[in-house]
């Protein structure tokens, strides 16, 4: 099992909070001002800086690929029964719980479910990707994934005028996001090797560059109509280089322990925030924007943490118990539940 990487939970929490802001809006400080053209322009810049939801999902994809592959960078075999059971239980039980709730309440959560379906797809094909890595290396696979992503964009049907990353629906959007996830796998191998230390000045330079590029992608979409599916796979390349430096920096400078703690329930925050936000919006219709936002953010955080304690954390425990059996770790030659993979080179 891979060792926990410092800093990743903090980044997960910040990304999840960014997605929350994308759906309910960042702190509504401009509601106190007269809505002149100048204020609207400043507010647009403010929203694009604090609430770039889709770029945050791209960071999630890269981190996900990194975390999955970091456990198998030097593995000679992967037990399929153990791998699939753990992955599906950990991600599946919380998702299933939320899906049941939204069906009962009649709430549409396509805005987040597409990315969860993409994650399940990536977990499912990972053993095949690993086998291909052992034979060809990650760079050719990455190249093929980019070619497939942009070919899908060019030829696959989607809603006319749709400019969002998930415009191609539940089953084609994962193809477009696959290069981002594979970049995370490539990063896992890169950071497993000795790396140069990263200074505080350098890491803040990279953070500013990433924020600027994220803002640019959002501005291109809203102001010029440049669809996110054209820009965000390229944005992922910068995420790859930035995230590697964040990981190296966290080895020398420990991240904020509170952010690390909050990051442990970022998945629940991502899953639950839109349900809570929509229920509050329906219940408090007509209330002041600032008050609704404050109530929303407080209840989202409280409910998400409660969901983590009640559903997500028990799912993690259950996944470990279900996969503790030695029979799930047998090599392919002894049992047809595992691949035998030779380490490349």
C-alpha atoms as a PDB file:
ATOM      1  CA  UNK A   1       0.000   0.000   0.000  1.00  0.00           C
ATOM      2  CA  UNK A   2       1.293   3.461  -0.827  1.00  0.00           C
ATOM      3  CA  UNK A   3       2.337   5.829   1.930  1.00  0.00           C
ATOM      4  CA  UNK A   4       0.084   8.832   2.512  1.00  0.00           C
ATOM      5  CA  UNK A   5       1.369  11.880   0.634  1.00  0.00           C
ATOM      6  CA  UNK A   6       1.328  15.081   2.675  1.00  0.00           C
ATOM      7  CA  UNK A   7      -0.499  18.003   1.134  1.00  0.00           C
ATOM      8  CA  UNK A   8      -2.901  16.135  -1.122  1.00  0.00           C
ATOM      9  CA  UNK A   9      -5.793  16.204   1.346  1.00  0.00           C
ATOM     10  CA  UNK A  10      -5.387  19.984   1.676  1.00  0.00           C
ATOM     11  CA  UNK A  11      -5.560  20.361  -2.092  1.00  0.00           C
ATOM     12  CA  UNK A  12      -8.612  18.101  -2.251  1.00  0.00           C
ATOM     13  CA  UNK A  13     -10.438  20.241   0.286  1.00  0.00           C
ATOM     14  CA  UNK A  14      -9.583  23.486  -1.518  1.00  0.00           C
ATOM     15  CA  UNK A  15     -10.718  21.992  -4.828  1.00  0.00           C
ATOM     16  CA  UNK A  16     -13.960  20.717  -3.299  1.00  0.00           C
ATOM     17  CA  UNK A  17     -14.602  24.149  -1.776  1.00  0.00           C
ATOM     18  CA  UNK A  18     -13.954  25.708  -5.182  1.00  0.00           C
ATOM     19  CA  UNK A  19     -16.620  23.453  -6.691  1.00  0.00           C
ATOM     20  CA  UNK A  20     -19.003  24.491  -3.903  1.00  0.00           C
ATOM     21  CA  UNK A  21     -18.345  28.142  -4.758  1.00  0.00           C
ATOM     22  CA  UNK A  22     -18.939  27.349  -8.432  1.00  0.00           C
ATOM     23  CA  UNK A  23     -22.433  26.069  -7.606  1.00  0.00           C
ATOM     24  CA  UNK A  24     -23.583  28.444  -4.858  1.00  0.00           C
ATOM     25  CA  UNK A  25     -21.308  31.366  -5.669  1.00  0.00           C
ATOM     26  CA  UNK A  26     -18.321  32.725  -3.726  1.00  0.00           C
ATOM     27  CA  UNK A  27     -18.931  35.014  -0.737  1.00  0.00           C
ATOM     28  CA  UNK A  28     -21.495  37.540  -2.105  1.00  0.00           C
ATOM     29  CA  UNK A  29     -19.593  40.688  -1.191  1.00  0.00           C
ATOM     30  CA  UNK A  30     -20.911  42.554  -4.224  1.00  0.00           C
ATOM     31  CA  UNK A  31     -24.535  42.248  -3.141  1.00  0.00           C
ATOM     32  CA  UNK A  32     -23.956  45.361  -1.008  1.00  0.00           C
ATOM     33  CA  UNK A  33     -23.017  47.494  -4.023  1.00  0.00           C
ATOM     34  CA  UNK A  34     -25.131  49.124  -6.690  1.00  0.00           C
ATOM     35  CA  UNK A  35     -24.934  46.907  -9.774  1.00  0.00           C
ATOM     36  CA  UNK A  36     -23.215  49.300 -12.165  1.00  0.00           C
ATOM     37  CA  UNK A  37     -21.335  48.042 -15.241  1.00  0.00           C
ATOM     38  CA  UNK A  38     -18.015  48.515 -13.441  1.00  0.00           C
ATOM     39  CA  UNK A  39     -19.174  46.490 -10.429  1.00  0.00           C
ATOM     40  CA  UNK A  40     -20.498  43.728 -12.694  1.00  0.00           C
ATOM     41  CA  UNK A  41     -17.124  43.559 -14.457  1.00  0.00           C
ATOM     42  CA  UNK A  42     -15.233  43.330 -11.156  1.00  0.00           C
ATOM     43  CA  UNK A  43     -17.688  40.744  -9.903  1.00  0.00           C
ATOM     44  CA  UNK A  44     -17.121  38.635 -13.029  1.00  0.00           C
ATOM     45  CA  UNK A  45     -13.362  38.673 -12.409  1.00  0.00           C
ATOM     46  CA  UNK A  46     -13.962  37.805  -8.747  1.00  0.00           C
ATOM     47  CA  UNK A  47     -16.212  34.859  -9.621  1.00  0.00           C
ATOM     48  CA  UNK A  48     -13.777  33.463 -12.192  1.00  0.00           C
ATOM     49  CA  UNK A  49     -10.937  33.639  -9.673  1.00  0.00           C
ATOM     50  CA  UNK A  50     -12.735  32.075  -6.709  1.00  0.00           C
ATOM     51  CA  UNK A  51     -15.147  29.688  -8.397  1.00  0.00           C
ATOM     52  CA  UNK A  52     -13.461  27.860 -11.318  1.00  0.00           C
ATOM     53  CA  UNK A  53     -15.372  24.624 -10.780  1.00  0.00           C
ATOM     54  CA  UNK A  54     -14.306  22.649 -13.860  1.00  0.00           C
ATOM     55  CA  UNK A  55     -10.563  23.437 -13.482  1.00  0.00           C
ATOM     56  CA  UNK A  56     -10.870  22.193  -9.890  1.00  0.00           C
ATOM     57  CA  UNK A  57     -12.344  18.916 -11.186  1.00  0.00           C
ATOM     58  CA  UNK A  58      -9.335  18.568 -13.498  1.00  0.00           C
ATOM     59  CA  UNK A  59      -7.061  18.843 -10.447  1.00  0.00           C
ATOM     60  CA  UNK A  60      -9.181  16.105  -8.820  1.00  0.00           C
ATOM     61  CA  UNK A  61      -8.638  13.858 -11.859  1.00  0.00           C
ATOM     62  CA  UNK A  62      -4.856  14.301 -11.787  1.00  0.00           C
ATOM     63  CA  UNK A  63      -4.712  13.687  -8.025  1.00  0.00           C
ATOM     64  CA  UNK A  64      -6.903  10.583  -8.437  1.00  0.00           C
ATOM     65  CA  UNK A  65      -4.633   9.051 -11.071  1.00  0.00           C
ATOM     66  CA  UNK A  66      -1.638   9.844  -8.907  1.00  0.00           C
ATOM     67  CA  UNK A  67      -3.115   8.203  -5.806  1.00  0.00           C
ATOM     68  CA  UNK A  68      -4.227   5.041  -7.593  1.00  0.00           C
ATOM     69  CA  UNK A  69      -0.964   4.456  -9.426  1.00  0.00           C
ATOM     70  CA  UNK A  70       1.356   5.418  -6.557  1.00  0.00           C
ATOM     71  CA  UNK A  71       0.437   2.107  -4.911  1.00  0.00           C
ATOM     72  CA  UNK A  72       1.518   0.159  -8.010  1.00  0.00           C
ATOM     73  CA  UNK A  73       4.523   2.058  -9.368  1.00  0.00           C
ATOM     74  CA  UNK A  74       6.841  -0.837  -8.522  1.00  0.00           C
ATOM     75  CA  UNK A  75       4.273  -3.618  -8.312  1.00  0.00           C
ATOM     76  CA  UNK A  76       4.948  -6.863 -10.121  1.00  0.00           C
ATOM     77  CA  UNK A  77       1.321  -7.975  -9.820  1.00  0.00           C
ATOM     78  CA  UNK A  78      -2.077  -6.580  -8.951  1.00  0.00           C
ATOM     79  CA  UNK A  79      -4.825  -8.632  -7.298  1.00  0.00           C
ATOM     80  CA  UNK A  80      -7.923  -7.800  -9.283  1.00  0.00           C
ATOM     81  CA  UNK A  81     -10.515  -8.984  -6.757  1.00  0.00           C
ATOM     82  CA  UNK A  82      -8.911  -6.969  -3.985  1.00  0.00           C
ATOM     83  CA  UNK A  83      -8.352  -3.938  -6.173  1.00  0.00           C
ATOM     84  CA  UNK A  84     -11.871  -3.773  -7.624  1.00  0.00           C
ATOM     85  CA  UNK A  85     -13.618  -4.584  -4.347  1.00  0.00           C
ATOM     86  CA  UNK A  86     -11.804  -1.845  -2.484  1.00  0.00           C
ATOM     87  CA  UNK A  87     -12.257   0.785  -5.175  1.00  0.00           C
ATOM     88  CA  UNK A  88     -15.918   0.082  -5.892  1.00  0.00           C
ATOM     89  CA  UNK A  89     -16.940  -0.113  -2.246  1.00  0.00           C
ATOM     90  CA  UNK A  90     -15.100   3.062  -1.268  1.00  0.00           C
ATOM     91  CA  UNK A  91     -16.509   5.195  -4.055  1.00  0.00           C
ATOM     92  CA  UNK A  92     -19.710   3.269  -4.729  1.00  0.00           C
ATOM     93  CA  UNK A  93     -21.479   3.176  -1.360  1.00  0.00           C
ATOM     94  CA  UNK A  94     -21.386   6.966  -0.828  1.00  0.00           C
ATOM     95  CA  UNK A  95     -22.483   7.574  -4.430  1.00  0.00           C
ATOM     96  CA  UNK A  96     -25.304   5.043  -4.138  1.00  0.00           C
ATOM     97  CA  UNK A  97     -26.528   6.694  -0.948  1.00  0.00           C
ATOM     98  CA  UNK A  98     -26.627  10.120  -2.586  1.00  0.00           C
ATOM     99  CA  UNK A  99     -28.328   8.764  -5.722  1.00  0.00           C
ATOM    100  CA  UNK A 100     -31.091   7.205  -3.604  1.00  0.00           C
ATOM    101  CA  UNK A 101     -31.600  10.508  -1.772  1.00  0.00           C
ATOM    102  CA  UNK A 102     -31.738  12.644  -4.916  1.00  0.00           C
ATOM    103  CA  UNK A 103     -34.198  10.261  -6.538  1.00  0.00           C
ATOM    104  CA  UNK A 104     -36.465  10.524  -3.508  1.00  0.00           C
ATOM    105  CA  UNK A 105     -36.180  14.319  -3.521  1.00  0.00           C
ATOM    106  CA  UNK A 106     -36.363  14.729  -7.295  1.00  0.00           C
ATOM    107  CA  UNK A 107     -33.066  16.655  -7.487  1.00  0.00           C
ATOM    108  CA  UNK A 108     -30.858  16.673 -10.591  1.00  0.00           C
ATOM    109  CA  UNK A 109     -27.162  16.274  -9.770  1.00  0.00           C
ATOM    110  CA  UNK A 110     -25.751  15.696 -13.259  1.00  0.00           C
ATOM    111  CA  UNK A 111     -23.309  18.562 -12.597  1.00  0.00           C
ATOM    112  CA  UNK A 112     -21.327  16.316 -10.230  1.00  0.00           C
ATOM    113  CA  UNK A 113     -22.384  12.772 -11.153  1.00  0.00           C
ATOM    114  CA  UNK A 114     -20.596  12.905 -14.529  1.00  0.00           C
ATOM    115  CA  UNK A 115     -17.197  13.217 -12.828  1.00  0.00           C
ATOM    116  CA  UNK A 116     -17.961  10.355 -10.442  1.00  0.00           C
ATOM    117  CA  UNK A 117     -18.894   8.117 -13.363  1.00  0.00           C
ATOM    118  CA  UNK A 118     -15.624   9.142 -14.995  1.00  0.00           C
ATOM    119  CA  UNK A 119     -13.703   8.129 -11.867  1.00  0.00           C
ATOM    120  CA  UNK A 120     -15.395   4.717 -11.827  1.00  0.00           C
ATOM    121  CA  UNK A 121     -14.470   4.253 -15.485  1.00  0.00           C
ATOM    122  CA  UNK A 122     -10.826   5.094 -14.761  1.00  0.00           C
ATOM    123  CA  UNK A 123     -10.691   2.708 -11.807  1.00  0.00           C
ATOM    124  CA  UNK A 124     -12.167  -0.011 -14.010  1.00  0.00           C
ATOM    125  CA  UNK A 125      -9.662   0.306 -16.874  1.00  0.00           C
ATOM    126  CA  UNK A 126      -6.616   0.966 -14.670  1.00  0.00           C
ATOM    127  CA  UNK A 127      -5.373  -2.685 -14.614  1.00  0.00           C
ATOM    128  CA  UNK A 128      -5.385  -2.636 -18.422  1.00  0.00           C
ATOM    129  CA  UNK A 129      -3.594   0.711 -18.433  1.00  0.00           C
ATOM    130  CA  UNK A 130      -1.007  -0.677 -16.034  1.00  0.00           C
ATOM    131  CA  UNK A 131      -0.420  -3.685 -18.254  1.00  0.00           C
ATOM    132  CA  UNK A 132       0.010  -1.334 -21.223  1.00  0.00           C
ATOM    133  CA  UNK A 133       2.406   0.805 -19.148  1.00  0.00           C
ATOM    134  CA  UNK A 134       4.554  -2.240 -18.489  1.00  0.00           C
ATOM    135  CA  UNK A 135       4.784  -2.879 -22.214  1.00  0.00           C
ATOM    136  CA  UNK A 136       4.917   0.612 -23.749  1.00  0.00           C
ATOM    137  CA  UNK A 137       5.421   3.179 -20.965  1.00  0.00           C
ATOM    138  CA  UNK A 138       3.062   6.004 -19.996  1.00  0.00           C
ATOM    139  CA  UNK A 139       4.008   8.557 -22.671  1.00  0.00           C
ATOM    140  CA  UNK A 140       2.620   6.584 -25.657  1.00  0.00           C
ATOM    141  CA  UNK A 141      -0.545   5.837 -23.651  1.00  0.00           C
ATOM    142  CA  UNK A 142      -0.867   9.516 -22.789  1.00  0.00           C
ATOM    143  CA  UNK A 143      -0.498  10.449 -26.438  1.00  0.00           C
ATOM    144  CA  UNK A 144      -3.193   7.995 -27.498  1.00  0.00           C
ATOM    145  CA  UNK A 145      -5.520   9.277 -24.754  1.00  0.00           C
ATOM    146  CA  UNK A 146      -5.120  12.874 -25.955  1.00  0.00           C
ATOM    147  CA  UNK A 147      -5.792  11.788 -29.533  1.00  0.00           C
ATOM    148  CA  UNK A 148      -8.952   9.935 -28.458  1.00  0.00           C
ATOM    149  CA  UNK A 149     -10.111  12.887 -26.359  1.00  0.00           C
ATOM    150  CA  UNK A 150      -9.864  15.435 -29.155  1.00  0.00           C
ATOM    151  CA  UNK A 151     -11.220  13.002 -31.734  1.00  0.00           C
ATOM    152  CA  UNK A 152     -14.264  12.555 -29.495  1.00  0.00           C
ATOM    153  CA  UNK A 153     -14.674  16.323 -29.304  1.00  0.00           C
ATOM    154  CA  UNK A 154     -14.513  16.600 -33.085  1.00  0.00           C
ATOM    155  CA  UNK A 155     -16.878  13.798 -34.064  1.00  0.00           C
ATOM    156  CA  UNK A 156     -19.136  12.911 -31.110  1.00  0.00           C
ATOM    157  CA  UNK A 157     -22.618  14.439 -30.859  1.00  0.00           C
ATOM    158  CA  UNK A 158     -23.318  16.926 -28.096  1.00  0.00           C
ATOM    159  CA  UNK A 159     -25.724  19.745 -27.342  1.00  0.00           C
ATOM    160  CA  UNK A 160     -25.228  22.623 -29.816  1.00  0.00           C
ATOM    161  CA  UNK A 161     -23.628  25.610 -28.145  1.00  0.00           C
ATOM    162  CA  UNK A 162     -22.695  23.673 -25.011  1.00  0.00           C
ATOM    163  CA  UNK A 163     -19.396  24.952 -23.647  1.00  0.00           C
ATOM    164  CA  UNK A 164     -18.926  22.892 -20.497  1.00  0.00           C
ATOM    165  CA  UNK A 165     -16.385  20.124 -20.000  1.00  0.00           C
ATOM    166  CA  UNK A 166     -19.056  17.480 -19.487  1.00  0.00           C
ATOM    167  CA  UNK A 167     -21.077  18.473 -22.576  1.00  0.00           C
ATOM    168  CA  UNK A 168     -20.700  14.997 -24.088  1.00  0.00           C
ATOM    169  CA  UNK A 169     -22.670  13.235 -21.381  1.00  0.00           C
ATOM    170  CA  UNK A 170     -21.947  10.543 -18.841  1.00  0.00           C
ATOM    171  CA  UNK A 171     -20.353   8.010 -21.183  1.00  0.00           C
ATOM    172  CA  UNK A 172     -18.230  10.132 -23.519  1.00  0.00           C
ATOM    173  CA  UNK A 173     -16.981  12.756 -21.053  1.00  0.00           C
ATOM    174  CA  UNK A 174     -14.726  10.157 -19.342  1.00  0.00           C
ATOM    175  CA  UNK A 175     -12.848   9.772 -22.635  1.00  0.00           C
ATOM    176  CA  UNK A 176     -12.200  13.510 -22.693  1.00  0.00           C
ATOM    177  CA  UNK A 177     -10.999  13.475 -19.077  1.00  0.00           C
ATOM    178  CA  UNK A 178      -8.816  10.372 -19.400  1.00  0.00           C
ATOM    179  CA  UNK A 179      -5.594  12.260 -20.332  1.00  0.00           C
ATOM    180  CA  UNK A 180      -5.874  14.206 -17.060  1.00  0.00           C
ATOM    181  CA  UNK A 181      -6.104  10.990 -15.052  1.00  0.00           C
ATOM    182  CA  UNK A 182      -3.186   9.386 -16.913  1.00  0.00           C
ATOM    183  CA  UNK A 183      -1.094  12.490 -16.214  1.00  0.00           C
ATOM    184  CA  UNK A 184      -1.611  11.669 -12.531  1.00  0.00           C
ATOM    185  CA  UNK A 185      -0.306   8.131 -13.114  1.00  0.00           C
ATOM    186  CA  UNK A 186       2.744   9.544 -14.882  1.00  0.00           C
ATOM    187  CA  UNK A 187       3.279  11.951 -11.998  1.00  0.00           C
ATOM    188  CA  UNK A 188       3.268   9.071  -9.487  1.00  0.00           C
ATOM    189  CA  UNK A 189       6.289   7.595 -11.240  1.00  0.00           C
ATOM    190  CA  UNK A 190       8.023  10.944 -11.529  1.00  0.00           C
ATOM    191  CA  UNK A 191       7.792  11.859  -7.835  1.00  0.00           C
ATOM    192  CA  UNK A 192       8.903   8.378  -6.787  1.00  0.00           C
ATOM    193  CA  UNK A 193      12.364   9.414  -8.020  1.00  0.00           C
ATOM    194  CA  UNK A 194      14.624  11.911  -6.206  1.00  0.00           C
ATOM    195  CA  UNK A 195      13.515  15.486  -6.908  1.00  0.00           C
ATOM    196  CA  UNK A 196      15.045  18.913  -6.376  1.00  0.00           C
ATOM    197  CA  UNK A 197      13.653  20.855  -3.428  1.00  0.00           C
ATOM    198  CA  UNK A 198      11.128  23.601  -4.143  1.00  0.00           C
ATOM    199  CA  UNK A 199      11.468  27.021  -2.521  1.00  0.00           C
ATOM    200  CA  UNK A 200       8.598  28.994  -1.037  1.00  0.00           C
ATOM    201  CA  UNK A 201       8.999  31.665  -3.703  1.00  0.00           C
ATOM    202  CA  UNK A 202       8.889  29.072  -6.476  1.00  0.00           C
ATOM    203  CA  UNK A 203       5.803  27.283  -5.152  1.00  0.00           C
ATOM    204  CA  UNK A 204       3.868  30.533  -4.821  1.00  0.00           C
ATOM    205  CA  UNK A 205       4.931  31.436  -8.328  1.00  0.00           C
ATOM    206  CA  UNK A 206       3.474  28.150  -9.574  1.00  0.00           C
ATOM    207  CA  UNK A 207       0.286  28.661  -7.560  1.00  0.00           C
ATOM    208  CA  UNK A 208      -0.170  32.114  -9.040  1.00  0.00           C
ATOM    209  CA  UNK A 209       0.476  30.765 -12.540  1.00  0.00           C
ATOM    210  CA  UNK A 210      -2.093  28.005 -12.069  1.00  0.00           C
ATOM    211  CA  UNK A 211      -4.675  30.443 -10.716  1.00  0.00           C
ATOM    212  CA  UNK A 212      -4.028  32.776 -13.663  1.00  0.00           C
ATOM    213  CA  UNK A 213      -4.404  29.969 -16.183  1.00  0.00           C
ATOM    214  CA  UNK A 214      -7.571  28.721 -14.502  1.00  0.00           C
ATOM    215  CA  UNK A 215      -8.978  32.249 -14.620  1.00  0.00           C
ATOM    216  CA  UNK A 216      -8.032  32.480 -18.297  1.00  0.00           C
ATOM    217  CA  UNK A 217      -9.881  29.252 -19.139  1.00  0.00           C
ATOM    218  CA  UNK A 218     -13.004  30.519 -17.384  1.00  0.00           C
ATOM    219  CA  UNK A 219     -12.769  33.931 -19.057  1.00  0.00           C
ATOM    220  CA  UNK A 220     -12.294  32.380 -22.498  1.00  0.00           C
ATOM    221  CA  UNK A 221     -15.441  30.339 -21.921  1.00  0.00           C
ATOM    222  CA  UNK A 222     -17.710  33.072 -20.579  1.00  0.00           C
ATOM    223  CA  UNK A 223     -16.445  35.985 -22.671  1.00  0.00           C
ATOM    224  CA  UNK A 224     -15.445  34.358 -25.969  1.00  0.00           C
ATOM    225  CA  UNK A 225     -17.439  31.118 -25.913  1.00  0.00           C
ATOM    226  CA  UNK A 226     -14.354  28.875 -26.046  1.00  0.00           C
ATOM    227  CA  UNK A 227     -15.607  25.552 -24.706  1.00  0.00           C
ATOM    228  CA  UNK A 228     -13.889  24.058 -21.684  1.00  0.00           C
ATOM    229  CA  UNK A 229     -13.330  20.743 -23.426  1.00  0.00           C
ATOM    230  CA  UNK A 230     -10.864  22.497 -25.767  1.00  0.00           C
ATOM    231  CA  UNK A 231      -8.820  24.114 -23.005  1.00  0.00           C
ATOM    232  CA  UNK A 232      -8.912  22.046 -19.820  1.00  0.00           C
ATOM    233  CA  UNK A 233      -7.020  18.995 -21.072  1.00  0.00           C
ATOM    234  CA  UNK A 234      -4.189  21.412 -21.869  1.00  0.00           C
ATOM    235  CA  UNK A 235      -4.646  23.023 -18.454  1.00  0.00           C
ATOM    236  CA  UNK A 236      -4.056  19.538 -16.975  1.00  0.00           C
ATOM    237  CA  UNK A 237      -0.483  19.564 -18.286  1.00  0.00           C
ATOM    238  CA  UNK A 238       0.275  22.617 -16.150  1.00  0.00           C
ATOM    239  CA  UNK A 239      -1.486  20.913 -13.222  1.00  0.00           C
ATOM    240  CA  UNK A 240       0.896  17.973 -13.708  1.00  0.00           C
ATOM    241  CA  UNK A 241       3.992  20.153 -13.275  1.00  0.00           C
ATOM    242  CA  UNK A 242       2.467  22.252 -10.475  1.00  0.00           C
ATOM    243  CA  UNK A 243       1.234  19.246  -8.485  1.00  0.00           C
ATOM    244  CA  UNK A 244       4.661  17.609  -8.627  1.00  0.00           C
ATOM    245  CA  UNK A 245       6.148  20.714  -7.053  1.00  0.00           C
ATOM    246  CA  UNK A 246       3.408  20.848  -4.416  1.00  0.00           C
ATOM    247  CA  UNK A 247       4.207  17.271  -3.416  1.00  0.00           C
ATOM    248  CA  UNK A 248       7.928  17.998  -3.212  1.00  0.00           C
ATOM    249  CA  UNK A 249       7.329  21.209  -1.272  1.00  0.00           C
ATOM    250  CA  UNK A 250       5.120  19.365   1.266  1.00  0.00           C
ATOM    251  CA  UNK A 251       7.976  16.962   1.951  1.00  0.00           C
ATOM    252  CA  UNK A 252       9.992  19.875   3.325  1.00  0.00           C
ATOM    253  CA  UNK A 253       7.288  22.193   4.660  1.00  0.00           C
ATOM    254  CA  UNK A 254       4.421  20.401   6.385  1.00  0.00           C
ATOM    255  CA  UNK A 255       0.960  21.535   5.203  1.00  0.00           C
ATOM    256  CA  UNK A 256      -1.627  23.077   7.484  1.00  0.00           C
ATOM    257  CA  UNK A 257      -2.873  20.231   9.730  1.00  0.00           C
ATOM    258  CA  UNK A 258      -6.415  21.608   9.825  1.00  0.00           C
ATOM    259  CA  UNK A 259      -6.647  21.658   6.027  1.00  0.00           C
ATOM    260  CA  UNK A 260      -5.272  18.121   5.933  1.00  0.00           C
ATOM    261  CA  UNK A 261      -7.964  17.034   8.397  1.00  0.00           C
ATOM    262  CA  UNK A 262     -10.725  18.739   6.419  1.00  0.00           C
ATOM    263  CA  UNK A 263      -9.428  17.162   3.238  1.00  0.00           C
ATOM    264  CA  UNK A 264     -10.202  13.704   4.609  1.00  0.00           C
ATOM    265  CA  UNK A 265     -13.919  14.415   4.041  1.00  0.00           C
ATOM    266  CA  UNK A 266     -13.593  16.404   0.796  1.00  0.00           C
ATOM    267  CA  UNK A 267     -15.267  13.576  -1.150  1.00  0.00           C
ATOM    268  CA  UNK A 268     -18.356  13.901   1.046  1.00  0.00           C
ATOM    269  CA  UNK A 269     -18.263  17.667   0.552  1.00  0.00           C
ATOM    270  CA  UNK A 270     -18.180  17.154  -3.203  1.00  0.00           C
ATOM    271  CA  UNK A 271     -21.030  14.627  -3.080  1.00  0.00           C
ATOM    272  CA  UNK A 272     -23.375  16.451  -0.728  1.00  0.00           C
ATOM    273  CA  UNK A 273     -23.009  20.175  -1.324  1.00  0.00           C
ATOM    274  CA  UNK A 274     -25.380  20.484  -4.265  1.00  0.00           C
ATOM    275  CA  UNK A 275     -28.161  18.521  -2.548  1.00  0.00           C
ATOM    276  CA  UNK A 276     -28.013  20.812   0.484  1.00  0.00           C
ATOM    277  CA  UNK A 277     -27.701  23.957  -1.641  1.00  0.00           C
ATOM    278  CA  UNK A 278     -30.763  23.118  -3.749  1.00  0.00           C
ATOM    279  CA  UNK A 279     -32.885  22.260  -0.727  1.00  0.00           C
ATOM    280  CA  UNK A 280     -31.925  25.520   0.972  1.00  0.00           C
ATOM    281  CA  UNK A 281     -32.569  27.537  -2.182  1.00  0.00           C
ATOM    282  CA  UNK A 282     -36.079  26.066  -2.350  1.00  0.00           C
ATOM    283  CA  UNK A 283     -36.759  26.606   1.359  1.00  0.00           C
ATOM    284  CA  UNK A 284     -35.389  30.144   1.653  1.00  0.00           C
ATOM    285  CA  UNK A 285     -36.608  31.538  -1.665  1.00  0.00           C
ATOM    286  CA  UNK A 286     -36.919  35.324  -1.411  1.00  0.00           C
ATOM    287  CA  UNK A 287     -34.492  35.730   1.480  1.00  0.00           C
ATOM    288  CA  UNK A 288     -31.492  38.035   1.184  1.00  0.00           C
ATOM    289  CA  UNK A 289     -28.681  36.680  -0.990  1.00  0.00           C
ATOM    290  CA  UNK A 290     -26.028  37.114   1.706  1.00  0.00           C
ATOM    291  CA  UNK A 291     -28.066  35.348   4.386  1.00  0.00           C
ATOM    292  CA  UNK A 292     -28.960  32.436   2.095  1.00  0.00           C
ATOM    293  CA  UNK A 293     -25.297  32.054   1.138  1.00  0.00           C
ATOM    294  CA  UNK A 294     -24.145  32.055   4.784  1.00  0.00           C
ATOM    295  CA  UNK A 295     -26.778  29.516   5.831  1.00  0.00           C
ATOM    296  CA  UNK A 296     -25.936  27.389   2.802  1.00  0.00           C
ATOM    297  CA  UNK A 297     -22.185  27.234   3.417  1.00  0.00           C
ATOM    298  CA  UNK A 298     -22.626  26.427   7.114  1.00  0.00           C
ATOM    299  CA  UNK A 299     -25.162  23.648   6.497  1.00  0.00           C
ATOM    300  CA  UNK A 300     -23.179  22.258   3.568  1.00  0.00           C
ATOM    301  CA  UNK A 301     -20.087  21.884   5.750  1.00  0.00           C
ATOM    302  CA  UNK A 302     -22.027  20.414   8.675  1.00  0.00           C
ATOM    303  CA  UNK A 303     -24.016  17.980   6.539  1.00  0.00           C
ATOM    304  CA  UNK A 304     -20.984  16.909   4.501  1.00  0.00           C
ATOM    305  CA  UNK A 305     -18.947  16.126   7.604  1.00  0.00           C
ATOM    306  CA  UNK A 306     -21.888  14.221   9.074  1.00  0.00           C
ATOM    307  CA  UNK A 307     -22.198  12.265   5.823  1.00  0.00           C
ATOM    308  CA  UNK A 308     -18.500  11.440   6.046  1.00  0.00           C
ATOM    309  CA  UNK A 309     -18.915  10.059   9.561  1.00  0.00           C
ATOM    310  CA  UNK A 310     -22.110   8.159   8.751  1.00  0.00           C
ATOM    311  CA  UNK A 311     -21.380   6.842   5.244  1.00  0.00           C
ATOM    312  CA  UNK A 312     -17.975   7.578   3.717  1.00  0.00           C
ATOM    313  CA  UNK A 313     -15.724   6.540   6.596  1.00  0.00           C
ATOM    314  CA  UNK A 314     -17.670   3.306   7.260  1.00  0.00           C
ATOM    315  CA  UNK A 315     -17.393   2.555   3.526  1.00  0.00           C
ATOM    316  CA  UNK A 316     -13.601   2.870   3.811  1.00  0.00           C
ATOM    317  CA  UNK A 317     -13.564   0.517   6.792  1.00  0.00           C
ATOM    318  CA  UNK A 318     -15.826  -1.964   5.031  1.00  0.00           C
ATOM    319  CA  UNK A 319     -13.631  -1.909   1.928  1.00  0.00           C
ATOM    320  CA  UNK A 320     -10.574  -2.792   3.999  1.00  0.00           C
ATOM    321  CA  UNK A 321     -12.383  -5.618   5.785  1.00  0.00           C
ATOM    322  CA  UNK A 322     -13.738  -7.081   2.557  1.00  0.00           C
ATOM    323  CA  UNK A 323     -10.277  -7.121   0.989  1.00  0.00           C
ATOM    324  CA  UNK A 324      -8.329  -8.376   4.003  1.00  0.00           C
ATOM    325  CA  UNK A 325      -8.613 -12.002   2.916  1.00  0.00           C
ATOM    326  CA  UNK A 326      -5.426 -13.587   1.567  1.00  0.00           C
ATOM    327  CA  UNK A 327      -7.461 -15.248  -1.175  1.00  0.00           C
ATOM    328  CA  UNK A 328      -7.923 -11.837  -2.754  1.00  0.00           C
ATOM    329  CA  UNK A 329      -4.166 -11.367  -3.104  1.00  0.00           C
ATOM    330  CA  UNK A 330      -3.262 -14.541  -4.994  1.00  0.00           C
ATOM    331  CA  UNK A 331      -1.192 -14.157  -8.160  1.00  0.00           C
ATOM    332  CA  UNK A 332      -2.739 -14.903 -11.554  1.00  0.00           C
ATOM    333  CA  UNK A 333      -0.989 -18.263 -11.805  1.00  0.00           C
ATOM    334  CA  UNK A 334      -2.854 -19.493  -8.694  1.00  0.00           C
ATOM    335  CA  UNK A 335      -6.190 -17.804  -9.131  1.00  0.00           C
ATOM    336  CA  UNK A 336      -8.037 -16.066 -11.939  1.00  0.00           C
ATOM    337  CA  UNK A 337      -8.702 -13.012  -9.775  1.00  0.00           C
ATOM    338  CA  UNK A 338      -5.315 -11.339 -10.372  1.00  0.00           C
ATOM    339  CA  UNK A 339      -2.995 -10.233 -13.123  1.00  0.00           C
ATOM    340  CA  UNK A 340       0.695 -11.051 -13.017  1.00  0.00           C
ATOM    341  CA  UNK A 341       2.433  -7.909 -14.194  1.00  0.00           C
ATOM    342  CA  UNK A 342       6.144  -7.592 -14.811  1.00  0.00           C
ATOM    343  CA  UNK A 343       7.744  -4.340 -13.763  1.00  0.00           C
ATOM    344  CA  UNK A 344       8.886  -2.351 -16.788  1.00  0.00           C
ATOM    345  CA  UNK A 345      12.584  -2.174 -17.518  1.00  0.00           C
END
